[in-house]
């Protein structure tokens, strides 16, 4: 359900990857912890 909500909100996985934590938090069902994990996943160095 979260994956679908993210894709519906942002339109693509690439857009999810470019999103900041605050943008991710705007998606229904995304907690701060989940937003942080997603952000970390897409922004690993």
PDB file of N, CA and C in Angstrom:
ATOM      1  N   UNK A   1       0.829  -1.199   0.000  1.00  0.00           N
ATOM      2  CA  UNK A   1       0.000   0.000   0.000  1.00  0.00           C
ATOM      3  C   UNK A   1       0.869   1.257   0.000  1.00  0.00           C
ATOM      4  N   UNK A   2       1.988   1.206   0.750  1.00  0.00           N
ATOM      5  CA  UNK A   2       2.862   2.391   0.796  1.00  0.00           C
ATOM      6  C   UNK A   2       3.496   2.645  -0.557  1.00  0.00           C
ATOM      7  N   UNK A   3       3.929   1.560  -1.208  1.00  0.00           N
ATOM      8  CA  UNK A   3       4.575   1.705  -2.511  1.00  0.00           C
ATOM      9  C   UNK A   3       3.620   2.372  -3.498  1.00  0.00           C
ATOM     10  N   UNK A   4       2.375   1.903  -3.505  1.00  0.00           N
ATOM     11  CA  UNK A   4       1.375   2.481  -4.407  1.00  0.00           C
ATOM     12  C   UNK A   4       1.126   3.947  -4.065  1.00  0.00           C
ATOM     13  N   UNK A   5       1.030   4.252  -2.778  1.00  0.00           N
ATOM     14  CA  UNK A   5       0.798   5.638  -2.355  1.00  0.00           C
ATOM     15  C   UNK A   5       1.955   6.532  -2.793  1.00  0.00           C
ATOM     16  N   UNK A   6       3.175   6.039  -2.646  1.00  0.00           N
ATOM     17  CA  UNK A   6       4.348   6.818  -3.061  1.00  0.00           C
ATOM     18  C   UNK A   6       4.339   7.060  -4.563  1.00  0.00           C
ATOM     19  N   UNK A   7       4.072   6.008  -5.333  1.00  0.00           N
ATOM     20  CA  UNK A   7       4.071   6.154  -6.788  1.00  0.00           C
ATOM     21  C   UNK A   7       2.925   7.050  -7.258  1.00  0.00           C
ATOM     22  N   UNK A   8       1.781   6.953  -6.595  1.00  0.00           N
ATOM     23  CA  UNK A   8       0.648   7.811  -6.940  1.00  0.00           C
ATOM     24  C   UNK A   8       0.987   9.270  -6.649  1.00  0.00           C
ATOM     25  N   UNK A   9       1.609   9.515  -5.514  1.00  0.00           N
ATOM     26  CA  UNK A   9       1.943  10.883  -5.099  1.00  0.00           C
ATOM     27  C   UNK A   9       3.039  11.493  -5.975  1.00  0.00           C
ATOM     28  N   UNK A  10       4.092  10.728  -6.224  1.00  0.00           N
ATOM     29  CA  UNK A  10       5.255  11.277  -6.932  1.00  0.00           C
ATOM     30  C   UNK A  10       5.281  10.976  -8.425  1.00  0.00           C
ATOM     31  N   UNK A  11       4.578   9.935  -8.864  1.00  0.00           N
ATOM     32  CA  UNK A  11       4.508   9.635 -10.290  1.00  0.00           C
ATOM     33  C   UNK A  11       5.519   8.625 -10.794  1.00  0.00           C
ATOM     34  N   UNK A  12       6.664   8.501 -10.121  1.00  0.00           N
ATOM     35  CA  UNK A  12       7.677   7.532 -10.550  1.00  0.00           C
ATOM     36  C   UNK A  12       8.644   7.241  -9.410  1.00  0.00           C
ATOM     37  N   UNK A  13       9.334   6.120  -9.527  1.00  0.00           N
ATOM     38  CA  UNK A  13      10.335   5.766  -8.519  1.00  0.00           C
ATOM     39  C   UNK A  13      11.470   6.792  -8.514  1.00  0.00           C
ATOM     40  N   UNK A  14      11.801   7.317  -9.693  1.00  0.00           N
ATOM     41  CA  UNK A  14      12.858   8.329  -9.792  1.00  0.00           C
ATOM     42  C   UNK A  14      12.491   9.571  -8.983  1.00  0.00           C
ATOM     43  N   UNK A  15      11.234   9.967  -9.076  1.00  0.00           N
ATOM     44  CA  UNK A  15      10.765  11.140  -8.333  1.00  0.00           C
ATOM     45  C   UNK A  15      10.782  10.872  -6.831  1.00  0.00           C
ATOM     46  N   UNK A  16      10.447   9.650  -6.429  1.00  0.00           N
ATOM     47  CA  UNK A  16      10.525   9.282  -5.010  1.00  0.00           C
ATOM     48  C   UNK A  16      11.970   9.424  -4.548  1.00  0.00           C
ATOM     49  N   UNK A  17      12.904   8.983  -5.368  1.00  0.00           N
ATOM     50  CA  UNK A  17      14.321   9.054  -5.033  1.00  0.00           C
ATOM     51  C   UNK A  17      14.839  10.471  -4.883  1.00  0.00           C
ATOM     52  N   UNK A  18      14.229  11.400  -5.602  1.00  0.00           N
ATOM     53  CA  UNK A  18      14.657  12.808  -5.523  1.00  0.00           C
ATOM     54  C   UNK A  18      13.990  13.551  -4.375  1.00  0.00           C
ATOM     55  N   UNK A  19      12.973  12.947  -3.784  1.00  0.00           N
ATOM     56  CA  UNK A  19      12.186  13.621  -2.747  1.00  0.00           C
ATOM     57  C   UNK A  19      12.965  13.768  -1.447  1.00  0.00           C
ATOM     58  N   UNK A  20      12.703  14.855  -0.764  1.00  0.00           N
ATOM     59  CA  UNK A  20      13.269  15.057   0.561  1.00  0.00           C
ATOM     60  C   UNK A  20      12.395  14.391   1.611  1.00  0.00           C
ATOM     61  N   UNK A  21      12.895  14.322   2.824  1.00  0.00           N
ATOM     62  CA  UNK A  21      12.154  13.676   3.907  1.00  0.00           C
ATOM     63  C   UNK A  21      10.805  14.354   4.118  1.00  0.00           C
ATOM     64  N   UNK A  22      10.769  15.675   4.125  1.00  0.00           N
ATOM     65  CA  UNK A  22       9.501  16.383   4.337  1.00  0.00           C
ATOM     66  C   UNK A  22       8.503  16.104   3.221  1.00  0.00           C
ATOM     67  N   UNK A  23       9.001  15.939   1.993  1.00  0.00           N
ATOM     68  CA  UNK A  23       8.112  15.583   0.881  1.00  0.00           C
ATOM     69  C   UNK A  23       7.547  14.183   1.085  1.00  0.00           C
ATOM     70  N   UNK A  24       8.389  13.262   1.513  1.00  0.00           N
ATOM     71  CA  UNK A  24       7.946  11.884   1.752  1.00  0.00           C
ATOM     72  C   UNK A  24       6.896  11.829   2.857  1.00  0.00           C
ATOM     73  N   UNK A  25       7.053  12.665   3.869  1.00  0.00           N
ATOM     74  CA  UNK A  25       6.113  12.678   4.993  1.00  0.00           C
ATOM     75  C   UNK A  25       4.713  13.142   4.586  1.00  0.00           C
ATOM     76  N   UNK A  26       4.602  13.826   3.458  1.00  0.00           N
ATOM     77  CA  UNK A  26       3.298  14.297   2.989  1.00  0.00           C
ATOM     78  C   UNK A  26       2.443  13.161   2.436  1.00  0.00           C
ATOM     79  N   UNK A  27       3.068  12.015   2.174  1.00  0.00           N
ATOM     80  CA  UNK A  27       2.338  10.870   1.625  1.00  0.00           C
ATOM     81  C   UNK A  27       1.633  10.134   2.756  1.00  0.00           C
ATOM     82  N   UNK A  28       0.349   9.870   2.572  1.00  0.00           N
ATOM     83  CA  UNK A  28      -0.438   9.175   3.585  1.00  0.00           C
ATOM     84  C   UNK A  28       0.169   7.804   3.876  1.00  0.00           C
ATOM     85  N   UNK A  29       0.332   7.497   5.156  1.00  0.00           N
ATOM     86  CA  UNK A  29       0.849   6.191   5.557  1.00  0.00           C
ATOM     87  C   UNK A  29       2.357   6.132   5.704  1.00  0.00           C
ATOM     88  N   UNK A  30       3.043   7.242   5.435  1.00  0.00           N
ATOM     89  CA  UNK A  30       4.502   7.263   5.557  1.00  0.00           C
ATOM     90  C   UNK A  30       4.877   7.952   6.866  1.00  0.00           C
ATOM     91  N   UNK A  31       5.494   7.185   7.754  1.00  0.00           N
ATOM     92  CA  UNK A  31       5.938   7.731   9.039  1.00  0.00           C
ATOM     93  C   UNK A  31       7.315   8.360   8.868  1.00  0.00           C
ATOM     94  N   UNK A  32       7.751   9.082   9.881  1.00  0.00           N
ATOM     95  CA  UNK A  32       9.085   9.689   9.827  1.00  0.00           C
ATOM     96  C   UNK A  32      10.155   8.609   9.671  1.00  0.00           C
ATOM     97  N   UNK A  33       9.983   7.494  10.377  1.00  0.00           N
ATOM     98  CA  UNK A  33      10.966   6.405  10.305  1.00  0.00           C
ATOM     99  C   UNK A  33      11.042   5.834   8.884  1.00  0.00           C
ATOM    100  N   UNK A  34       9.900   5.606   8.270  1.00  0.00           N
ATOM    101  CA  UNK A  34       9.865   5.077   6.902  1.00  0.00           C
ATOM    102  C   UNK A  34      10.449   6.105   5.936  1.00  0.00           C
ATOM    103  N   UNK A  35      10.094   7.365   6.117  1.00  0.00           N
ATOM    104  CA  UNK A  35      10.620   8.425   5.253  1.00  0.00           C
ATOM    105  C   UNK A  35      12.144   8.479   5.348  1.00  0.00           C
ATOM    106  N   UNK A  36      12.677   8.355   6.555  1.00  0.00           N
ATOM    107  CA  UNK A  36      14.127   8.389   6.747  1.00  0.00           C
ATOM    108  C   UNK A  36      14.793   7.201   6.057  1.00  0.00           C
ATOM    109  N   UNK A  37      14.192   6.022   6.190  1.00  0.00           N
ATOM    110  CA  UNK A  37      14.752   4.822   5.543  1.00  0.00           C
ATOM    111  C   UNK A  37      14.747   4.962   4.027  1.00  0.00           C
ATOM    112  N   UNK A  38      13.649   5.472   3.484  1.00  0.00           N
ATOM    113  CA  UNK A  38      13.570   5.678   2.038  1.00  0.00           C
ATOM    114  C   UNK A  38      14.615   6.689   1.584  1.00  0.00           C
ATOM    115  N   UNK A  39      14.703   7.789   2.307  1.00  0.00           N
ATOM    116  CA  UNK A  39      15.667   8.825   1.959  1.00  0.00           C
ATOM    117  C   UNK A  39      17.088   8.262   1.997  1.00  0.00           C
ATOM    118  N   UNK A  40      17.409   7.538   3.064  1.00  0.00           N
ATOM    119  CA  UNK A  40      18.744   6.951   3.199  1.00  0.00           C
ATOM    120  C   UNK A  40      19.032   5.974   2.062  1.00  0.00           C
ATOM    121  N   UNK A  41      18.029   5.186   1.692  1.00  0.00           N
ATOM    122  CA  UNK A  41      18.200   4.206   0.619  1.00  0.00           C
ATOM    123  C   UNK A  41      18.575   4.894  -0.694  1.00  0.00           C
ATOM    124  N   UNK A  42      17.882   5.965  -1.010  1.00  0.00           N
ATOM    125  CA  UNK A  42      18.116   6.650  -2.286  1.00  0.00           C
ATOM    126  C   UNK A  42      19.319   7.590  -2.256  1.00  0.00           C
ATOM    127  N   UNK A  43      19.820   7.923  -1.063  1.00  0.00           N
ATOM    128  CA  UNK A  43      20.916   8.883  -0.964  1.00  0.00           C
ATOM    129  C   UNK A  43      22.168   8.303  -0.317  1.00  0.00           C
ATOM    130  N   UNK A  44      22.347   6.984  -0.457  1.00  0.00           N
ATOM    131  CA  UNK A  44      23.567   6.364   0.079  1.00  0.00           C
ATOM    132  C   UNK A  44      24.776   6.896  -0.677  1.00  0.00           C
ATOM    133  N   UNK A  45      25.877   7.025   0.032  1.00  0.00           N
ATOM    134  CA  UNK A  45      27.108   7.484  -0.633  1.00  0.00           C
ATOM    135  C   UNK A  45      28.128   6.377  -0.666  1.00  0.00           C
TER     136      UNK A  45
END
